PDB file of N, CA and C in Angstrom:
ATOM      1  N   LEU A   1       0.823  -1.196   0.000  1.00  0.00           N
ATOM      2  CA  LEU A   1       0.000   0.000   0.000  1.00  0.00           C
ATOM      3  C   LEU A   1       0.864   1.255   0.000  1.00  0.00           C
ATOM      4  N   ALA A   2       1.924   1.266   0.798  1.00  0.00           N
ATOM      5  CA  ALA A   2       2.789   2.448   0.858  1.00  0.00           C
ATOM      6  C   ALA A   2       3.436   2.716  -0.497  1.00  0.00           C
ATOM      7  N   ALA A   3       3.830   1.657  -1.201  1.00  0.00           N
ATOM      8  CA  ALA A   3       4.452   1.837  -2.513  1.00  0.00           C
ATOM      9  C   ALA A   3       3.452   2.417  -3.510  1.00  0.00           C
ATOM     10  N   ALA A   4       2.211   1.984  -3.442  1.00  0.00           N
ATOM     11  CA  ALA A   4       1.187   2.505  -4.343  1.00  0.00           C
ATOM     12  C   ALA A   4       0.909   3.974  -4.053  1.00  0.00           C
ATOM     13  N   LEU A   5       0.885   4.347  -2.790  1.00  0.00           N
ATOM     14  CA  LEU A   5       0.639   5.743  -2.428  1.00  0.00           C
ATOM     15  C   LEU A   5       1.811   6.632  -2.811  1.00  0.00           C
ATOM     16  N   ALA A   6       3.022   6.098  -2.750  1.00  0.00           N
ATOM     17  CA  ALA A   6       4.211   6.888  -3.070  1.00  0.00           C
ATOM     18  C   ALA A   6       4.240   7.278  -4.544  1.00  0.00           C
ATOM     19  N   THR A   7       3.631   6.482  -5.397  1.00  0.00           N
ATOM     20  CA  THR A   7       3.644   6.767  -6.829  1.00  0.00           C
ATOM     21  C   THR A   7       2.383   7.488  -7.295  1.00  0.00           C
ATOM     22  N   ALA A   8       1.422   7.707  -6.405  1.00  0.00           N
ATOM     23  CA  ALA A   8       0.175   8.374  -6.778  1.00  0.00           C
ATOM     24  C   ALA A   8       0.438   9.839  -7.119  1.00  0.00           C
ATOM     25  N   GLN A   9      -0.244  10.330  -8.125  1.00  0.00           N
ATOM     26  CA  GLN A   9      -0.119  11.722  -8.527  1.00  0.00           C
ATOM     27  C   GLN A   9      -1.146  12.560  -7.768  1.00  0.00           C
ATOM     28  N   VAL A  10      -0.722  13.723  -7.296  1.00  0.00           N
ATOM     29  CA  VAL A  10      -1.605  14.618  -6.558  1.00  0.00           C
ATOM     30  C   VAL A  10      -1.842  15.873  -7.390  1.00  0.00           C
ATOM     31  N   ASP A  11      -3.088  16.232  -7.538  1.00  0.00           N
ATOM     32  CA  ASP A  11      -3.434  17.459  -8.251  1.00  0.00           C
ATOM     33  C   ASP A  11      -3.199  18.637  -7.310  1.00  0.00           C
ATOM     34  N   VAL A  12      -2.216  19.488  -7.631  1.00  0.00           N
ATOM     35  CA  VAL A  12      -1.850  20.600  -6.750  1.00  0.00           C
ATOM     36  C   VAL A  12      -2.977  21.624  -6.615  1.00  0.00           C
ATOM     37  N   LYS A  13      -3.945  21.608  -7.500  1.00  0.00           N
ATOM     38  CA  LYS A  13      -5.079  22.528  -7.390  1.00  0.00           C
ATOM     39  C   LYS A  13      -5.921  22.232  -6.153  1.00  0.00           C
ATOM     40  N   LEU A  14      -5.786  21.032  -5.595  1.00  0.00           N
ATOM     41  CA  LEU A  14      -6.503  20.695  -4.366  1.00  0.00           C
ATOM     42  C   LEU A  14      -6.095  21.611  -3.215  1.00  0.00           C
ATOM     43  N   PHE A  15      -4.890  22.166  -3.276  1.00  0.00           N
ATOM     44  CA  PHE A  15      -4.368  22.987  -2.192  1.00  0.00           C
ATOM     45  C   PHE A  15      -4.593  24.483  -2.402  1.00  0.00           C
ATOM     46  N   ASP A  16      -5.163  24.885  -3.526  1.00  0.00           N
ATOM     47  CA  ASP A  16      -5.340  26.303  -3.849  1.00  0.00           C
ATOM     48  C   ASP A  16      -6.165  27.066  -2.815  1.00  0.00           C
ATOM     49  N   ARG A  17      -7.161  26.441  -2.234  1.00  0.00           N
ATOM     50  CA  ARG A  17      -8.061  27.148  -1.321  1.00  0.00           C
ATOM     51  C   ARG A  17      -7.616  27.060   0.135  1.00  0.00           C
ATOM     52  N   LEU A  18      -6.560  26.326   0.417  1.00  0.00           N
ATOM     53  CA  LEU A  18      -6.074  26.221   1.792  1.00  0.00           C
ATOM     54  C   LEU A  18      -5.413  27.519   2.217  1.00  0.00           C
ATOM     55  N   GLN A  19      -5.603  27.879   3.472  1.00  0.00           N
ATOM     56  CA  GLN A  19      -4.990  29.081   4.007  1.00  0.00           C
ATOM     57  C   GLN A  19      -4.132  28.708   5.206  1.00  0.00           C
ATOM     58  N   PHE A  20      -2.974  29.376   5.323  1.00  0.00           N
ATOM     59  CA  PHE A  20      -2.079  29.144   6.440  1.00  0.00           C
ATOM     60  C   PHE A  20      -2.716  29.670   7.721  1.00  0.00           C
ATOM     61  N   ARG A  21      -2.551  28.925   8.813  1.00  0.00           N
ATOM     62  CA  ARG A  21      -2.972  29.410  10.123  1.00  0.00           C
ATOM     63  C   ARG A  21      -2.012  28.871  11.168  1.00  0.00           C
ATOM     64  N   ALA A  22      -1.692  29.683  12.142  1.00  0.00           N
ATOM     65  CA  ALA A  22      -0.802  29.266  13.217  1.00  0.00           C
ATOM     66  C   ALA A  22      -1.585  28.393  14.194  1.00  0.00           C
ATOM     67  N   ILE A  23      -1.016  27.246  14.551  1.00  0.00           N
ATOM     68  CA  ILE A  23      -1.685  26.354  15.498  1.00  0.00           C
ATOM     69  C   ILE A  23      -0.821  26.076  16.722  1.00  0.00           C
ATOM     70  N   GLY A  24       0.232  26.816  16.901  1.00  0.00           N
ATOM     71  CA  GLY A  24       1.057  26.589  18.081  1.00  0.00           C
ATOM     72  C   GLY A  24       2.354  27.348  17.960  1.00  0.00           C
ATOM     73  N   PRO A  25       3.274  27.233  18.838  1.00  0.00           N
ATOM     74  CA  PRO A  25       3.189  26.343  20.000  1.00  0.00           C
ATOM     75  C   PRO A  25       2.263  26.910  21.075  1.00  0.00           C
ATOM     76  N   ALA A  26       1.741  26.027  21.858  1.00  0.00           N
ATOM     77  CA  ALA A  26       0.884  26.411  22.969  1.00  0.00           C
ATOM     78  C   ALA A  26       1.249  25.542  24.165  1.00  0.00           C
ATOM     79  N   ASN A  27       1.009  26.044  25.322  1.00  0.00           N
ATOM     80  CA  ASN A  27       1.332  25.307  26.539  1.00  0.00           C
ATOM     81  C   ASN A  27       0.084  24.563  27.008  1.00  0.00           C
ATOM     82  N   MET A  28      -0.127  23.386  26.466  1.00  0.00           N
ATOM     83  CA  MET A  28      -1.296  22.598  26.836  1.00  0.00           C
ATOM     84  C   MET A  28      -0.929  21.119  26.833  1.00  0.00           C
ATOM     85  N   GLY A  29      -1.652  20.343  27.564  1.00  0.00           N
ATOM     86  CA  GLY A  29      -1.419  18.902  27.596  1.00  0.00           C
ATOM     87  C   GLY A  29      -1.843  18.248  26.298  1.00  0.00           C
ATOM     88  N   GLY A  30      -1.241  17.122  25.984  1.00  0.00           N
ATOM     89  CA  GLY A  30      -1.609  16.376  24.799  1.00  0.00           C
ATOM     90  C   GLY A  30      -1.015  16.898  23.513  1.00  0.00           C
ATOM     91  N   ARG A  31      -0.081  17.829  23.620  1.00  0.00           N
ATOM     92  CA  ARG A  31       0.464  18.411  22.395  1.00  0.00           C
ATOM     93  C   ARG A  31       1.586  17.539  21.826  1.00  0.00           C
ATOM     94  N   THR A  32       1.712  17.547  20.524  1.00  0.00           N
ATOM     95  CA  THR A  32       2.786  16.859  19.821  1.00  0.00           C
ATOM     96  C   THR A  32       3.946  17.825  19.671  1.00  0.00           C
ATOM     97  N   THR A  33       5.144  17.384  20.042  1.00  0.00           N
ATOM     98  CA  THR A  33       6.310  18.255  19.943  1.00  0.00           C
ATOM     99  C   THR A  33       7.246  17.859  18.820  1.00  0.00           C
ATOM    100  N   ASP A  34       7.173  16.609  18.350  1.00  0.00           N
ATOM    101  CA  ASP A  34       8.063  16.178  17.278  1.00  0.00           C
ATOM    102  C   ASP A  34       7.487  14.953  16.592  1.00  0.00           C
ATOM    103  N   VAL A  35       7.691  14.877  15.286  1.00  0.00           N
ATOM    104  CA  VAL A  35       7.317  13.703  14.498  1.00  0.00           C
ATOM    105  C   VAL A  35       8.506  13.370  13.616  1.00  0.00           C
ATOM    106  N   GLU A  36       8.960  12.133  13.680  1.00  0.00           N
ATOM    107  CA  GLU A  36      10.106  11.691  12.875  1.00  0.00           C
ATOM    108  C   GLU A  36       9.760  10.389  12.175  1.00  0.00           C
ATOM    109  N   GLY A  37      10.144  10.299  10.911  1.00  0.00           N
ATOM    110  CA  GLY A  37       9.975   9.071  10.156  1.00  0.00           C
ATOM    111  C   GLY A  37      11.264   8.277  10.133  1.00  0.00           C
ATOM    112  N   VAL A  38      11.148   7.015   9.763  1.00  0.00           N
ATOM    113  CA  VAL A  38      12.306   6.135   9.647  1.00  0.00           C
ATOM    114  C   VAL A  38      12.715   6.093   8.178  1.00  0.00           C
ATOM    115  N   PRO A  39      13.933   6.550   7.847  1.00  0.00           N
ATOM    116  CA  PRO A  39      14.375   6.507   6.454  1.00  0.00           C
ATOM    117  C   PRO A  39      14.307   5.077   5.902  1.00  0.00           C
ATOM    118  N   GLY A  40      13.701   4.928   4.753  1.00  0.00           N
ATOM    119  CA  GLY A  40      13.602   3.618   4.123  1.00  0.00           C
ATOM    120  C   GLY A  40      12.389   2.817   4.555  1.00  0.00           C
ATOM    121  N   ASN A  41      11.627   3.304   5.549  1.00  0.00           N
ATOM    122  CA  ASN A  41      10.426   2.590   5.981  1.00  0.00           C
ATOM    123  C   ASN A  41       9.306   3.599   6.223  1.00  0.00           C
ATOM    124  N   PRO A  42       8.472   3.848   5.215  1.00  0.00           N
ATOM    125  CA  PRO A  42       7.415   4.849   5.358  1.00  0.00           C
ATOM    126  C   PRO A  42       6.284   4.418   6.286  1.00  0.00           C
ATOM    127  N   ASN A  43       6.335   3.200   6.804  1.00  0.00           N
ATOM    128  CA  ASN A  43       5.280   2.704   7.682  1.00  0.00           C
ATOM    129  C   ASN A  43       5.557   2.949   9.157  1.00  0.00           C
ATOM    130  N   ILE A  44       6.711   3.530   9.503  1.00  0.00           N
ATOM    131  CA  ILE A  44       7.055   3.761  10.908  1.00  0.00           C
ATOM    132  C   ILE A  44       7.255   5.248  11.154  1.00  0.00           C
ATOM    133  N   LEU A  45       6.567   5.758  12.159  1.00  0.00           N
ATOM    134  CA  LEU A  45       6.731   7.134  12.622  1.00  0.00           C
ATOM    135  C   LEU A  45       6.917   7.111  14.129  1.00  0.00           C
ATOM    136  N   TYR A  46       7.736   8.013  14.630  1.00  0.00           N
ATOM    137  CA  TYR A  46       7.869   8.226  16.063  1.00  0.00           C
ATOM    138  C   TYR A  46       7.304   9.602  16.371  1.00  0.00           C
ATOM    139  N   VAL A  47       6.466   9.694  17.402  1.00  0.00           N
ATOM    140  CA  VAL A  47       5.829  10.953  17.776  1.00  0.00           C
ATOM    141  C   VAL A  47       6.150  11.240  19.235  1.00  0.00           C
ATOM    142  N   GLY A  48       6.758  12.405  19.472  1.00  0.00           N
ATOM    143  CA  GLY A  48       7.057  12.836  20.837  1.00  0.00           C
ATOM    144  C   GLY A  48       5.994  13.800  21.323  1.00  0.00           C
ATOM    145  N   THR A  49       5.664  13.725  22.621  1.00  0.00           N
ATOM    146  CA  THR A  49       4.631  14.585  23.187  1.00  0.00           C
ATOM    147  C   THR A  49       5.213  15.515  24.239  1.00  0.00           C
ATOM    148  N   GLY A  50       4.490  16.588  24.524  1.00  0.00           N
ATOM    149  CA  GLY A  50       4.923  17.570  25.497  1.00  0.00           C
ATOM    150  C   GLY A  50       5.032  17.018  26.903  1.00  0.00           C
ATOM    151  N   GLY A  51       4.291  15.978  27.206  1.00  0.00           N
ATOM    152  CA  GLY A  51       4.332  15.373  28.534  1.00  0.00           C
ATOM    153  C   GLY A  51       5.424  14.339  28.690  1.00  0.00           C
ATOM    154  N   GLY A  52       6.241  14.159  27.667  1.00  0.00           N
ATOM    155  CA  GLY A  52       7.340  13.207  27.743  1.00  0.00           C
ATOM    156  C   GLY A  52       7.049  11.852  27.134  1.00  0.00           C
ATOM    157  N   GLY A  53       5.878  11.671  26.567  1.00  0.00           N
ATOM    158  CA  GLY A  53       5.532  10.390  25.956  1.00  0.00           C
ATOM    159  C   GLY A  53       6.155  10.227  24.582  1.00  0.00           C
ATOM    160  N   LEU A  54       6.345   8.981  24.183  1.00  0.00           N
ATOM    161  CA  LEU A  54       6.871   8.657  22.863  1.00  0.00           C
ATOM    162  C   LEU A  54       6.012   7.552  22.281  1.00  0.00           C
ATOM    163  N   TRP A  55       5.503   7.781  21.081  1.00  0.00           N
ATOM    164  CA  TRP A  55       4.647   6.813  20.404  1.00  0.00           C
ATOM    165  C   TRP A  55       5.333   6.331  19.141  1.00  0.00           C
ATOM    166  N   LYS A  56       5.164   5.053  18.829  1.00  0.00           N
ATOM    167  CA  LYS A  56       5.704   4.484  17.592  1.00  0.00           C
ATOM    168  C   LYS A  56       4.536   4.120  16.697  1.00  0.00           C
TER     169      LYS A  56
END
């Protein structure tokens, strides 16, 4: 599935109506502070949280 999605073409016109908005940083619980992918494996992400949690 990841290989099929990697080769899919995206119509850039889909993004024409999007507008930038600031969503942080904010001092609140449950916030995500970092997201990192694993080079060579698009199926693994590590997510760090403001409370010290780490999710795989």
